[in-house]
Amino acid sequence: MPAPRRARKSPSLLIGVTLMNRRLFLTGAALLSVGSLTACTSSETAMPAPAELSATPSTTPDRRVLLAYFSRPGENYSYGGRTTLDVGNTQIVADMIAAASTVDVYRIEAADPYPDDYDATVARNVQEENVNARPAIANPLPDVAGYDTVLLGCPVWNVQTPMILRTFVDSVDLAGKRLHPFVTYAVSGIGRVEDDYAALCPDANLGESLAVQGEKAADARADVDAWLRRIGL
């Protein structure tokens, strides 16, 4: 598996653009939040897809932080209605983090992509929860051995972690890693996400989380920067 390049710190938000030609973005998919599954939602801010690079940490001693996230564009919940997003809310926040800190980025993509239709995605998520499914991930998983910190991003679906995030944490060794979740949501806040990771990753060190209302994701830069300062990144 080829090795990722470094995303360099930048004072400005460069959404969807390869940073200093050293940032890793692997293509993926993603999605929604609470209610019957009120989604990770926001404004209709559009961004081009990130450049597709490699997913193995380099041997450089300072390459210590992995940002792994799942985000779904398409029809999403928004203030009680629906809006169509070209870029999912969690990706908007992930791009802000990558612009402000030195991280490697891995985008979690479902091998069987979630539908663009909101209600169809809600139905699929409920079905996956009912059978405790582990949806397959499309791209090769990153080698996390070279990282001591993992920032793990997702929407809140039905007040909890999407099942594809469970696939990810079941498939990589997070023992001893410092784990910081970040989420986008509609009305649930962080929901049960922290409890999910505490149960799924008992040997990881669960740190402070960040929860961003999906509808306000495009305006979350100050909250993202403050969170990164608090967690030392």
C-alpha atoms as a PDB file:
ATOM      1  CA  MET A   1       0.000   0.000   0.000  1.00  0.00           C
ATOM      2  CA  PRO A   2       1.585   3.346  -1.030  1.00  0.00           C
ATOM      3  CA  ALA A   3       2.510   5.887   1.623  1.00  0.00           C
ATOM      4  CA  PRO A   4       0.506   9.083   2.422  1.00  0.00           C
ATOM      5  CA  ARG A   5       1.930  12.527   2.175  1.00  0.00           C
ATOM      6  CA  ARG A   6       1.878  15.133   4.942  1.00  0.00           C
ATOM      7  CA  ALA A   7      -0.759  17.848   5.151  1.00  0.00           C
ATOM      8  CA  ARG A   8       1.104  20.985   6.335  1.00  0.00           C
ATOM      9  CA  LYS A   9      -0.273  23.555   8.759  1.00  0.00           C
ATOM     10  CA  SER A  10      -1.958  26.437   6.992  1.00  0.00           C
ATOM     11  CA  PRO A  11      -3.463  29.644   8.365  1.00  0.00           C
ATOM     12  CA  SER A  12      -6.317  29.557   5.940  1.00  0.00           C
ATOM     13  CA  LEU A  13      -8.952  27.002   5.061  1.00  0.00           C
ATOM     14  CA  LEU A  14      -8.243  25.366   1.721  1.00  0.00           C
ATOM     15  CA  ILE A  15     -11.296  23.162   1.323  1.00  0.00           C
ATOM     16  CA  GLY A  16     -10.960  20.251  -1.075  1.00  0.00           C
ATOM     17  CA  VAL A  17      -7.523  21.291  -2.345  1.00  0.00           C
ATOM     18  CA  THR A  18      -4.338  19.276  -1.925  1.00  0.00           C
ATOM     19  CA  LEU A  19      -2.194  21.092   0.685  1.00  0.00           C
ATOM     20  CA  MET A  20       1.457  21.741  -0.258  1.00  0.00           C
ATOM     21  CA  ASN A  21       1.214  18.613  -2.421  1.00  0.00           C
ATOM     22  CA  ARG A  22       1.893  16.530   0.712  1.00  0.00           C
ATOM     23  CA  ARG A  23      -1.606  15.876   2.152  1.00  0.00           C
ATOM     24  CA  LEU A  24      -3.341  12.509   1.897  1.00  0.00           C
ATOM     25  CA  PHE A  25      -6.926  12.243   0.823  1.00  0.00           C
ATOM     26  CA  LEU A  26      -8.446   8.854  -0.050  1.00  0.00           C
ATOM     27  CA  THR A  27     -11.830   8.989  -1.683  1.00  0.00           C
ATOM     28  CA  GLY A  28     -14.843   7.793   0.219  1.00  0.00           C
ATOM     29  CA  ALA A  29     -18.479   8.285   1.017  1.00  0.00           C
ATOM     30  CA  ALA A  30     -20.601   9.286   4.030  1.00  0.00           C
ATOM     31  CA  LEU A  31     -23.823  10.543   5.760  1.00  0.00           C
ATOM     32  CA  LEU A  32     -26.511  11.674   8.280  1.00  0.00           C
ATOM     33  CA  SER A  33     -27.544  12.060  11.951  1.00  0.00           C
ATOM     34  CA  VAL A  34     -30.411  11.720  14.446  1.00  0.00           C
ATOM     35  CA  GLY A  35     -34.202  11.765  14.555  1.00  0.00           C
ATOM     36  CA  SER A  36     -35.381   8.724  12.718  1.00  0.00           C
ATOM     37  CA  LEU A  37     -31.811   9.249  11.757  1.00  0.00           C
ATOM     38  CA  THR A  38     -31.477  12.993  11.438  1.00  0.00           C
ATOM     39  CA  ALA A  39     -28.367  13.446   9.417  1.00  0.00           C
ATOM     40  CA  CYS A  40     -25.094  15.273   9.598  1.00  0.00           C
ATOM     41  CA  THR A  41     -26.315  18.323   7.762  1.00  0.00           C
ATOM     42  CA  SER A  42     -25.360  21.835   6.826  1.00  0.00           C
ATOM     43  CA  SER A  43     -25.417  24.478   4.164  1.00  0.00           C
ATOM     44  CA  GLU A  44     -24.988  23.558   0.528  1.00  0.00           C
ATOM     45  CA  THR A  45     -21.328  24.567   0.435  1.00  0.00           C
ATOM     46  CA  ALA A  46     -19.610  22.722  -2.416  1.00  0.00           C
ATOM     47  CA  MET A  47     -16.030  21.572  -2.675  1.00  0.00           C
ATOM     48  CA  PRO A  48     -14.110  19.612  -5.280  1.00  0.00           C
ATOM     49  CA  ALA A  49     -13.096  16.091  -4.335  1.00  0.00           C
ATOM     50  CA  PRO A  50      -9.687  15.825  -2.646  1.00  0.00           C
ATOM     51  CA  ALA A  51      -6.754  14.414  -4.517  1.00  0.00           C
ATOM     52  CA  GLU A  52      -6.403  10.675  -4.145  1.00  0.00           C
ATOM     53  CA  LEU A  53      -3.098   9.749  -2.565  1.00  0.00           C
ATOM     54  CA  SER A  54      -1.652   6.870  -0.560  1.00  0.00           C
ATOM     55  CA  ALA A  55      -2.493   5.505   2.902  1.00  0.00           C
ATOM     56  CA  THR A  56       0.619   4.249   4.690  1.00  0.00           C
ATOM     57  CA  PRO A  57       2.404   6.428   7.266  1.00  0.00           C
ATOM     58  CA  SER A  58       5.893   7.552   6.366  1.00  0.00           C
ATOM     59  CA  THR A  59       8.949   6.749   8.431  1.00  0.00           C
ATOM     60  CA  THR A  60       9.426  10.421   9.309  1.00  0.00           C
ATOM     61  CA  PRO A  61       9.504  10.574  13.136  1.00  0.00           C
ATOM     62  CA  ASP A  62       7.034  13.466  13.397  1.00  0.00           C
ATOM     63  CA  ARG A  63       4.260  11.806  11.395  1.00  0.00           C
ATOM     64  CA  ARG A  64       2.096  10.975  14.355  1.00  0.00           C
ATOM     65  CA  VAL A  65      -1.542  12.004  13.658  1.00  0.00           C
ATOM     66  CA  LEU A  66      -4.056  10.222  11.432  1.00  0.00           C
ATOM     67  CA  LEU A  67      -7.371  11.850  10.541  1.00  0.00           C
ATOM     68  CA  ALA A  68      -9.817   9.174   9.384  1.00  0.00           C
ATOM     69  CA  TYR A  69     -13.365  10.168   8.497  1.00  0.00           C
ATOM     70  CA  PHE A  70     -16.598   9.060   6.834  1.00  0.00           C
ATOM     71  CA  SER A  71     -18.861  11.650   5.192  1.00  0.00           C
ATOM     72  CA  ARG A  72     -21.927  11.390   2.967  1.00  0.00           C
ATOM     73  CA  PRO A  73     -23.027  14.004   0.406  1.00  0.00           C
ATOM     74  CA  GLY A  74     -26.380  13.918  -1.361  1.00  0.00           C
ATOM     75  CA  GLU A  75     -29.805  14.581   0.145  1.00  0.00           C
ATOM     76  CA  ASN A  76     -29.484  15.385   3.854  1.00  0.00           C
ATOM     77  CA  TYR A  77     -31.691  16.512   6.730  1.00  0.00           C
ATOM     78  CA  SER A  78     -31.598  20.275   7.349  1.00  0.00           C
ATOM     79  CA  TYR A  79     -33.614  22.227   9.920  1.00  0.00           C
ATOM     80  CA  GLY A  80     -36.544  19.838   9.659  1.00  0.00           C
ATOM     81  CA  GLY A  81     -36.429  19.657   5.870  1.00  0.00           C
ATOM     82  CA  ARG A  82     -34.041  18.399   3.212  1.00  0.00           C
ATOM     83  CA  THR A  83     -31.099  19.884   1.365  1.00  0.00           C
ATOM     84  CA  THR A  84     -28.733  18.430  -1.220  1.00  0.00           C
ATOM     85  CA  LEU A  85     -25.048  18.632  -0.353  1.00  0.00           C
ATOM     86  CA  ASP A  86     -22.263  18.383  -2.916  1.00  0.00           C
ATOM     87  CA  VAL A  87     -19.862  17.853   0.000  1.00  0.00           C
ATOM     88  CA  GLY A  88     -20.875  16.112   3.221  1.00  0.00           C
ATOM     89  CA  ASN A  89     -20.765  18.052   6.475  1.00  0.00           C
ATOM     90  CA  THR A  90     -18.205  15.786   8.114  1.00  0.00           C
ATOM     91  CA  GLN A  91     -15.857  16.312   5.181  1.00  0.00           C
ATOM     92  CA  ILE A  92     -16.204  20.081   5.602  1.00  0.00           C
ATOM     93  CA  VAL A  93     -15.046  19.780   9.214  1.00  0.00           C
ATOM     94  CA  ALA A  94     -12.326  17.261   8.315  1.00  0.00           C
ATOM     95  CA  ASP A  95     -10.936  19.662   5.719  1.00  0.00           C
ATOM     96  CA  MET A  96     -10.825  22.426   8.325  1.00  0.00           C
ATOM     97  CA  ILE A  97      -8.883  20.184  10.687  1.00  0.00           C
ATOM     98  CA  ALA A  98      -6.442  19.185   7.951  1.00  0.00           C
ATOM     99  CA  ALA A  99      -5.914  22.844   7.002  1.00  0.00           C
ATOM    100  CA  ALA A 100      -5.150  23.842  10.582  1.00  0.00           C
ATOM    101  CA  SER A 101      -3.012  20.921  11.777  1.00  0.00           C
ATOM    102  CA  THR A 102      -0.370  18.490  10.553  1.00  0.00           C
ATOM    103  CA  VAL A 103      -2.196  15.240   9.849  1.00  0.00           C
ATOM    104  CA  ASP A 104      -2.477  12.412   7.368  1.00  0.00           C
ATOM    105  CA  VAL A 105      -6.009  11.991   6.015  1.00  0.00           C
ATOM    106  CA  TYR A 106      -7.819   8.749   5.238  1.00  0.00           C
ATOM    107  CA  ARG A 107     -11.351   8.946   3.866  1.00  0.00           C
ATOM    108  CA  ILE A 108     -13.511   5.946   4.715  1.00  0.00           C
ATOM    109  CA  GLU A 109     -15.567   4.928   1.683  1.00  0.00           C
ATOM    110  CA  ALA A 110     -18.270   2.261   1.621  1.00  0.00           C
ATOM    111  CA  ALA A 111     -17.668  -0.514  -0.908  1.00  0.00           C
ATOM    112  CA  ASP A 112     -21.436  -0.394  -1.492  1.00  0.00           C
ATOM    113  CA  PRO A 113     -22.039   3.382  -1.525  1.00  0.00           C
ATOM    114  CA  TYR A 114     -24.925   4.750   0.479  1.00  0.00           C
ATOM    115  CA  PRO A 115     -27.812   6.115  -1.619  1.00  0.00           C
ATOM    116  CA  ASP A 116     -28.080   9.794  -2.473  1.00  0.00           C
ATOM    117  CA  ASP A 117     -31.681   9.659  -1.268  1.00  0.00           C
ATOM    118  CA  TYR A 118     -31.999  10.500   2.421  1.00  0.00           C
ATOM    119  CA  ASP A 119     -34.867   8.177   3.296  1.00  0.00           C
ATOM    120  CA  ALA A 120     -33.213   5.259   1.486  1.00  0.00           C
ATOM    121  CA  THR A 121     -30.058   5.847   3.511  1.00  0.00           C
ATOM    122  CA  VAL A 122     -32.083   5.982   6.736  1.00  0.00           C
ATOM    123  CA  ALA A 123     -33.659   2.638   5.883  1.00  0.00           C
ATOM    124  CA  ARG A 124     -30.316   1.052   5.052  1.00  0.00           C
ATOM    125  CA  ASN A 125     -28.747   2.320   8.264  1.00  0.00           C
ATOM    126  CA  VAL A 126     -31.590   0.918  10.370  1.00  0.00           C
ATOM    127  CA  GLN A 127     -31.200  -2.445   8.661  1.00  0.00           C
ATOM    128  CA  GLU A 128     -27.437  -2.440   9.310  1.00  0.00           C
ATOM    129  CA  GLU A 129     -27.987  -1.574  12.965  1.00  0.00           C
ATOM    130  CA  ASN A 130     -30.574  -4.310  13.386  1.00  0.00           C
ATOM    131  CA  VAL A 131     -28.134  -7.002  12.275  1.00  0.00           C
ATOM    132  CA  ASN A 132     -25.044  -5.368  13.801  1.00  0.00           C
ATOM    133  CA  ALA A 133     -23.537  -5.214  10.306  1.00  0.00           C
ATOM    134  CA  ARG A 134     -19.987  -4.289   9.379  1.00  0.00           C
ATOM    135  CA  PRO A 135     -20.275  -2.686   5.913  1.00  0.00           C
ATOM    136  CA  ALA A 136     -17.202  -3.266   3.752  1.00  0.00           C
ATOM    137  CA  ILE A 137     -14.750  -0.415   3.172  1.00  0.00           C
ATOM    138  CA  ALA A 138     -13.773   0.203  -0.448  1.00  0.00           C
ATOM    139  CA  ASN A 139     -10.153   1.323  -0.102  1.00  0.00           C
ATOM    140  CA  PRO A 140      -7.184  -0.441   1.500  1.00  0.00           C
ATOM    141  CA  LEU A 141      -7.029   0.339   5.196  1.00  0.00           C
ATOM    142  CA  PRO A 142      -4.219   2.545   6.512  1.00  0.00           C
ATOM    143  CA  ASP A 143      -1.348   1.099   8.500  1.00  0.00           C
ATOM    144  CA  VAL A 144      -1.882   2.848  11.834  1.00  0.00           C
ATOM    145  CA  ALA A 145       1.297   1.565  13.484  1.00  0.00           C
ATOM    146  CA  GLY A 146       3.138   4.838  12.895  1.00  0.00           C
ATOM    147  CA  TYR A 147       0.525   6.998  14.605  1.00  0.00           C
ATOM    148  CA  ASP A 148      -0.025   7.719  18.284  1.00  0.00           C
ATOM    149  CA  THR A 149      -3.124   9.909  17.746  1.00  0.00           C
ATOM    150  CA  VAL A 150      -6.192   9.210  15.611  1.00  0.00           C
ATOM    151  CA  LEU A 151      -8.900  11.804  14.890  1.00  0.00           C
ATOM    152  CA  LEU A 152     -11.988   9.824  13.930  1.00  0.00           C
ATOM    153  CA  GLY A 153     -14.815  11.683  12.175  1.00  0.00           C
ATOM    154  CA  CYS A 154     -18.356  10.732  11.203  1.00  0.00           C
ATOM    155  CA  PRO A 155     -21.954  11.926  11.149  1.00  0.00           C
ATOM    156  CA  VAL A 156     -24.218  10.888  14.006  1.00  0.00           C
ATOM    157  CA  TRP A 157     -26.742   8.411  12.637  1.00  0.00           C
ATOM    158  CA  ASN A 158     -29.735   7.487  14.785  1.00  0.00           C
ATOM    159  CA  VAL A 159     -27.934   8.955  17.832  1.00  0.00           C
ATOM    160  CA  GLN A 160     -24.920   6.687  17.379  1.00  0.00           C
ATOM    161  CA  THR A 161     -21.881   5.782  15.313  1.00  0.00           C
ATOM    162  CA  PRO A 162     -22.566   4.612  11.721  1.00  0.00           C
ATOM    163  CA  MET A 163     -21.883   0.917  11.315  1.00  0.00           C
ATOM    164  CA  ILE A 164     -19.119   1.539   8.760  1.00  0.00           C
ATOM    165  CA  LEU A 165     -17.121   3.296  11.493  1.00  0.00           C
ATOM    166  CA  ARG A 166     -17.414   0.105  13.486  1.00  0.00           C
ATOM    167  CA  THR A 167     -15.946  -1.729  10.511  1.00  0.00           C
ATOM    168  CA  PHE A 168     -12.998   0.648  10.589  1.00  0.00           C
ATOM    169  CA  VAL A 169     -12.231   0.430  14.314  1.00  0.00           C
ATOM    170  CA  ASP A 170     -12.658  -3.352  14.248  1.00  0.00           C
ATOM    171  CA  SER A 171     -10.181  -3.594  11.373  1.00  0.00           C
ATOM    172  CA  VAL A 172      -7.258  -1.496  12.627  1.00  0.00           C
ATOM    173  CA  ASP A 173      -5.301  -1.775  15.867  1.00  0.00           C
ATOM    174  CA  LEU A 174      -6.078   1.282  17.991  1.00  0.00           C
ATOM    175  CA  ALA A 175      -4.680  -0.148  21.223  1.00  0.00           C
ATOM    176  CA  GLY A 176      -2.645   2.498  23.020  1.00  0.00           C
ATOM    177  CA  LYS A 177      -3.646   5.213  20.537  1.00  0.00           C
ATOM    178  CA  ARG A 178      -5.033   8.552  21.666  1.00  0.00           C
ATOM    179  CA  LEU A 179      -8.477   8.688  20.038  1.00  0.00           C
ATOM    180  CA  HIS A 180     -10.366  11.964  19.511  1.00  0.00           C
ATOM    181  CA  PRO A 181     -13.806  11.619  17.870  1.00  0.00           C
ATOM    182  CA  PHE A 182     -15.388  14.468  15.925  1.00  0.00           C
ATOM    183  CA  VAL A 183     -18.930  14.397  14.598  1.00  0.00           C
ATOM    184  CA  THR A 184     -21.543  16.381  12.719  1.00  0.00           C
ATOM    185  CA  TYR A 185     -25.164  16.107  13.821  1.00  0.00           C
ATOM    186  CA  ALA A 186     -28.661  17.518  13.314  1.00  0.00           C
ATOM    187  CA  VAL A 187     -30.314  17.520  16.762  1.00  0.00           C
ATOM    188  CA  SER A 188     -28.584  14.808  18.805  1.00  0.00           C
ATOM    189  CA  GLY A 189     -25.297  16.417  19.732  1.00  0.00           C
ATOM    190  CA  ILE A 190     -22.645  13.732  19.995  1.00  0.00           C
ATOM    191  CA  GLY A 191     -25.280  11.177  20.991  1.00  0.00           C
ATOM    192  CA  ARG A 192     -23.853   7.802  22.045  1.00  0.00           C
ATOM    193  CA  VAL A 193     -20.721   8.104  19.902  1.00  0.00           C
ATOM    194  CA  GLU A 194     -18.289   8.404  22.825  1.00  0.00           C
ATOM    195  CA  ASP A 195     -19.896   5.399  24.536  1.00  0.00           C
ATOM    196  CA  ASP A 196     -19.690   3.449  21.274  1.00  0.00           C
ATOM    197  CA  TYR A 197     -15.953   4.054  20.958  1.00  0.00           C
ATOM    198  CA  ALA A 198     -15.357   3.309  24.636  1.00  0.00           C
ATOM    199  CA  ALA A 199     -16.955  -0.106  24.088  1.00  0.00           C
ATOM    200  CA  LEU A 200     -15.466  -0.763  20.647  1.00  0.00           C
ATOM    201  CA  CYS A 201     -11.930   0.440  21.457  1.00  0.00           C
ATOM    202  CA  PRO A 202     -11.384  -0.454  25.123  1.00  0.00           C
ATOM    203  CA  ASP A 203      -7.588  -0.354  24.767  1.00  0.00           C
ATOM    204  CA  ALA A 204      -7.496   3.112  23.175  1.00  0.00           C
ATOM    205  CA  ASN A 205      -7.198   6.303  25.205  1.00  0.00           C
ATOM    206  CA  LEU A 206     -10.412   8.230  24.499  1.00  0.00           C
ATOM    207  CA  GLY A 207      -9.827  11.980  24.527  1.00  0.00           C
ATOM    208  CA  GLU A 208     -11.937  15.107  24.092  1.00  0.00           C
ATOM    209  CA  SER A 209     -14.495  15.017  21.289  1.00  0.00           C
ATOM    210  CA  LEU A 210     -15.826  17.727  18.980  1.00  0.00           C
ATOM    211  CA  ALA A 211     -19.503  17.940  17.950  1.00  0.00           C
ATOM    212  CA  VAL A 212     -20.572  20.361  15.194  1.00  0.00           C
ATOM    213  CA  GLN A 213     -24.159  20.942  14.118  1.00  0.00           C
ATOM    214  CA  GLY A 214     -24.294  19.926  10.484  1.00  0.00           C
ATOM    215  CA  GLU A 215     -26.211  22.970   9.323  1.00  0.00           C
ATOM    216  CA  LYS A 216     -23.407  25.127  10.757  1.00  0.00           C
ATOM    217  CA  ALA A 217     -20.436  23.059   9.582  1.00  0.00           C
ATOM    218  CA  ALA A 218     -19.214  25.675   7.103  1.00  0.00           C
ATOM    219  CA  ASP A 219     -18.945  28.214   9.943  1.00  0.00           C
ATOM    220  CA  ALA A 220     -17.214  25.921  12.447  1.00  0.00           C
ATOM    221  CA  ARG A 221     -13.617  27.105  11.944  1.00  0.00           C
ATOM    222  CA  ALA A 222     -13.374  28.853  15.336  1.00  0.00           C
ATOM    223  CA  ASP A 223     -14.714  25.778  17.147  1.00  0.00           C
ATOM    224  CA  VAL A 224     -12.336  23.512  15.227  1.00  0.00           C
ATOM    225  CA  ASP A 225      -9.314  25.697  16.012  1.00  0.00           C
ATOM    226  CA  ALA A 226     -10.229  25.904  19.708  1.00  0.00           C
ATOM    227  CA  TRP A 227     -10.638  22.121  19.908  1.00  0.00           C
ATOM    228  CA  LEU A 228      -7.296  21.508  18.204  1.00  0.00           C
ATOM    229  CA  ARG A 229      -5.606  23.841  20.702  1.00  0.00           C
ATOM    230  CA  ARG A 230      -7.200  22.051  23.648  1.00  0.00           C
ATOM    231  CA  ILE A 231      -6.028  18.640  22.447  1.00  0.00           C
ATOM    232  CA  GLY A 232      -2.539  19.889  21.637  1.00  0.00           C
ATOM    233  CA  LEU A 233      -2.746  19.841  17.834  1.00  0.00           C
END
